[in-house]
Amino acid sequence: MPPAPLRASLRVALAAALVGAGIAVAPTAAYAQEGIHVTGTAHYDVRDDGSPVEVTTTITFTNVQPSTATTYYYGSEYALWLPTGVKGLRATSNGAPVSVSTSTQQGFDYANLAFPSRLLYGQSRTIEVRYTIPGGTFRSKDAARVGPGFASFEVYSPGDAGAATIATTAPRWMALTPQCFL
C-alpha cells in the first residue's frame, strides 16, 4: 500500500501584485491537506476463467476552500494510486476523456488525472477511472496473481476518512478473503 495517498493538487493564484515590485505572481502547485473533499468507490470484478480483474473507480472532488481577498484556490489534478501492472488505463468525466498519465513515486505507481478545467470553490467534478489487472500466474512473484479459479490482488479506493468504499464481485463459489495491511 502506498504511503498516505496523494491528495488533489491545489493551484494557488495570488490576486495581488507584490508590494512595491508591481510584478504578478504566477500560480504555484501545492499538495492539499485540506481544501478538496474526495469521495471514492472502487469496484473490482473477478471472473473464474482467469481473465484480468476489471476495475472501475469513481471519484468525486469538491472544492471546499473559499477564496480570500488576495488568493483563490482551485484543483487541477489528482494522483490516484494504482496496483502494479495495470493495463488499459483510461479516465472520463461526464462522458468526455480525461487526460491521464502514469508515474512512479517511491516505488508506487500513480495515475495522474488532469481535470478538464479548474475546480473552483463550491464546484464538484466526478471522474471515472477504468483499468484491468492481468496479474501473474499462480505462485509467481507478482504482487497480483490471476488465473482460472483464483485471484490475488491489491485494492484501494480514494477518499477522505469515511468517504471511501471498496466493492468486489466474484462467482459465488470463489471465496473472498480480505486482508488489511495499513
Protein backbone atom coordinates (compact mmCIF):
# COMPACT_ATOMS: atom_id res chain seq x y z
CA MET A 1 0.00 0.00 0.00
CA PRO A 2 1.29 3.48 -0.73
CA PRO A 3 2.26 5.98 1.90
CA ALA A 4 -0.51 8.46 2.65
CA PRO A 5 -2.43 8.84 -0.64
CA LEU A 6 -1.61 11.91 -2.64
CA ARG A 7 -4.38 14.44 -2.47
CA ALA A 8 -5.69 16.68 -5.20
CA SER A 9 -3.18 19.28 -6.18
CA LEU A 10 -4.33 22.81 -5.42
CA ARG A 11 -3.16 25.69 -7.51
CA VAL A 12 -2.86 28.92 -5.64
CA ALA A 13 -3.05 32.13 -7.62
CA LEU A 14 -2.20 35.37 -5.91
CA ALA A 15 -4.58 38.08 -7.00
CA ALA A 16 -2.45 40.94 -5.73
CA ALA A 17 0.85 42.22 -7.07
CA LEU A 18 3.93 42.10 -4.91
CA VAL A 19 4.21 45.21 -2.77
CA GLY A 20 6.46 47.80 -4.40
CA ALA A 21 7.52 45.48 -7.24
CA GLY A 22 4.42 45.66 -9.41
CA ILE A 23 5.01 42.04 -10.54
CA ALA A 24 2.18 39.49 -10.74
CA VAL A 25 2.91 36.14 -9.11
CA ALA A 26 2.24 33.03 -11.23
CA PRO A 27 0.23 30.10 -9.83
CA THR A 28 2.24 27.52 -7.92
CA ALA A 29 1.40 23.91 -7.17
CA ALA A 30 0.98 22.57 -3.66
CA TYR A 31 -0.39 19.28 -2.37
CA ALA A 32 -3.52 19.98 -0.39
CA GLN A 33 -4.09 18.55 3.04
CA GLU A 34 -7.37 20.43 3.19
CA GLY A 35 -9.45 22.20 0.59
CA ILE A 36 -10.60 19.38 -1.69
CA HIS A 37 -13.12 16.88 -0.33
CA VAL A 38 -12.69 13.49 -2.01
CA THR A 39 -15.18 10.59 -2.08
CA GLY A 40 -14.49 7.39 -3.95
CA THR A 41 -15.87 3.99 -4.83
CA ALA A 42 -13.69 1.27 -6.32
CA HIS A 43 -15.31 -1.83 -7.84
CA TYR A 44 -13.25 -4.95 -8.62
CA ASP A 45 -14.89 -7.56 -10.87
CA VAL A 46 -13.26 -11.01 -10.61
CA ARG A 47 -14.05 -13.80 -13.07
CA ASP A 48 -13.32 -17.50 -12.61
CA ASP A 49 -11.94 -18.04 -16.15
CA GLY A 50 -8.59 -16.35 -15.44
CA SER A 51 -9.37 -13.17 -17.36
CA PRO A 52 -7.96 -9.91 -15.93
CA VAL A 53 -9.74 -8.29 -13.00
CA GLU A 54 -11.76 -5.32 -14.26
CA VAL A 55 -11.59 -2.21 -12.07
CA THR A 56 -13.84 0.85 -12.09
CA THR A 57 -13.07 3.68 -9.66
CA THR A 58 -15.43 6.64 -9.39
CA ILE A 59 -14.04 9.70 -7.62
CA THR A 60 -15.91 12.91 -6.77
CA PHE A 61 -13.90 16.01 -5.90
CA THR A 62 -15.46 19.05 -4.23
CA ASN A 63 -13.54 22.27 -3.66
CA VAL A 64 -14.38 23.41 -0.11
CA GLN A 65 -11.61 26.03 0.19
CA PRO A 66 -13.11 29.52 -0.05
CA SER A 67 -11.13 32.30 -1.67
CA THR A 68 -9.77 35.21 0.28
CA ALA A 69 -9.34 38.84 -0.72
CA THR A 70 -5.89 38.07 -2.17
CA THR A 71 -5.95 34.35 -3.01
CA TYR A 72 -8.21 31.93 -4.80
CA TYR A 73 -7.83 28.18 -4.65
CA TYR A 74 -8.62 25.66 -7.35
CA GLY A 75 -7.99 21.98 -8.03
CA SER A 76 -6.40 21.00 -11.32
CA GLU A 77 -5.11 17.43 -10.96
CA TYR A 78 -5.14 14.31 -8.80
CA ALA A 79 -2.73 11.41 -8.34
CA LEU A 80 -4.55 8.06 -7.95
CA TRP A 81 -2.58 5.09 -6.57
CA LEU A 82 -2.55 2.08 -8.92
CA PRO A 83 -1.75 -1.59 -8.30
CA THR A 84 1.37 -2.80 -10.10
CA GLY A 85 0.96 -3.86 -13.73
CA VAL A 86 -2.40 -2.33 -14.66
CA LYS A 87 -3.40 -2.32 -18.33
CA GLY A 88 -5.86 -0.29 -20.40
CA LEU A 89 -5.89 2.75 -18.10
CA ARG A 90 -8.49 5.35 -19.15
CA ALA A 91 -10.48 8.09 -17.44
CA THR A 92 -13.63 10.08 -18.25
CA SER A 93 -15.62 12.94 -16.74
CA ASN A 94 -19.20 13.50 -17.93
CA GLY A 95 -18.51 11.05 -20.77
CA ALA A 96 -15.53 13.01 -22.11
CA PRO A 97 -11.97 11.66 -21.92
CA VAL A 98 -9.74 12.99 -19.14
CA SER A 99 -6.01 13.40 -19.73
CA VAL A 100 -4.22 10.68 -17.76
CA SER A 101 -0.55 9.82 -17.48
CA THR A 102 1.31 7.47 -15.16
CA SER A 103 4.26 7.99 -12.86
CA THR A 104 6.17 6.08 -10.21
CA GLN A 105 6.96 7.73 -6.88
CA GLN A 106 8.83 5.96 -4.09
CA GLY A 107 8.17 2.62 -5.80
CA PHE A 108 4.41 3.11 -6.18
CA ASP A 109 2.52 3.66 -9.45
CA TYR A 110 0.06 6.54 -9.86
CA ALA A 111 -2.43 7.68 -12.50
CA ASN A 112 -2.10 11.44 -12.83
CA LEU A 113 -5.56 12.78 -13.69
CA ALA A 114 -5.68 16.28 -15.20
CA PHE A 115 -9.03 17.97 -14.57
CA PRO A 116 -10.72 19.24 -17.77
CA SER A 117 -10.98 22.70 -16.16
CA ARG A 118 -10.15 24.35 -12.85
CA LEU A 119 -12.22 23.13 -9.91
CA LEU A 120 -13.28 26.37 -8.22
CA TYR A 121 -14.72 26.86 -4.74
CA GLY A 122 -18.12 25.20 -4.36
CA GLN A 123 -17.73 23.14 -7.56
CA SER A 124 -17.67 19.34 -7.81
CA ARG A 125 -16.35 17.03 -10.50
CA THR A 126 -16.69 13.27 -10.88
CA ILE A 127 -14.06 11.24 -12.73
CA GLU A 128 -14.40 7.57 -13.60
CA VAL A 129 -11.16 5.59 -13.98
CA ARG A 130 -11.09 2.12 -15.59
CA TYR A 131 -8.30 -0.42 -15.97
CA THR A 132 -7.59 -4.14 -15.72
CA ILE A 133 -5.26 -6.14 -13.51
CA PRO A 134 -3.91 -9.06 -15.57
CA GLY A 135 -1.69 -10.41 -12.79
CA GLY A 136 0.87 -13.18 -12.90
CA THR A 137 0.38 -16.91 -12.69
CA PHE A 138 -0.18 -18.96 -9.55
CA ARG A 139 2.83 -18.73 -7.17
CA SER A 140 4.51 -16.05 -9.30
CA LYS A 141 6.41 -13.24 -7.57
CA ASP A 142 3.99 -10.65 -8.98
CA ALA A 143 2.01 -8.64 -6.43
CA ALA A 144 -1.16 -9.63 -8.34
CA ARG A 145 -1.88 -13.19 -9.45
CA VAL A 146 -4.90 -14.01 -11.60
CA GLY A 147 -5.78 -17.31 -13.26
CA PRO A 148 -8.56 -19.88 -13.71
CA GLY A 149 -10.27 -20.19 -10.32
CA PHE A 150 -8.00 -17.84 -8.34
CA ALA A 151 -7.13 -14.17 -7.96
CA SER A 152 -4.95 -12.29 -5.52
CA PHE A 153 -4.52 -8.53 -5.90
CA GLU A 154 -4.25 -5.23 -4.04
CA VAL A 155 -7.30 -2.99 -3.69
CA TYR A 156 -7.63 0.71 -2.96
CA SER A 157 -10.30 3.38 -3.04
CA PRO A 158 -9.54 7.08 -2.76
CA GLY A 159 -11.48 9.24 -0.36
CA ASP A 160 -11.37 11.22 2.83
CA ALA A 161 -11.91 9.38 6.11
CA GLY A 162 -15.29 7.63 5.95
CA ALA A 163 -15.75 8.54 2.27
CA ALA A 164 -14.10 5.58 0.51
CA THR A 165 -15.82 2.33 -0.49
CA ILE A 166 -14.41 -0.89 -1.98
CA ALA A 167 -16.68 -3.49 -3.60
CA THR A 168 -15.56 -6.81 -5.05
CA THR A 169 -17.71 -9.20 -7.05
CA ALA A 170 -16.82 -12.78 -7.94
CA PRO A 171 -18.62 -16.01 -8.77
CA ARG A 172 -20.38 -17.45 -5.71
CA TRP A 173 -18.09 -20.45 -5.45
CA MET A 174 -14.95 -18.25 -5.14
CA ALA A 175 -14.20 -17.33 -1.55
CA LEU A 176 -13.23 -13.69 -0.95
CA THR A 177 -10.71 -13.35 1.86
CA PRO A 178 -9.79 -9.72 2.53
CA GLN A 179 -6.56 -8.91 4.31
CA CYS A 180 -5.84 -5.41 5.52
CA PHE A 181 -2.30 -4.04 5.63
CA LEU A 182 -2.01 -0.50 6.93
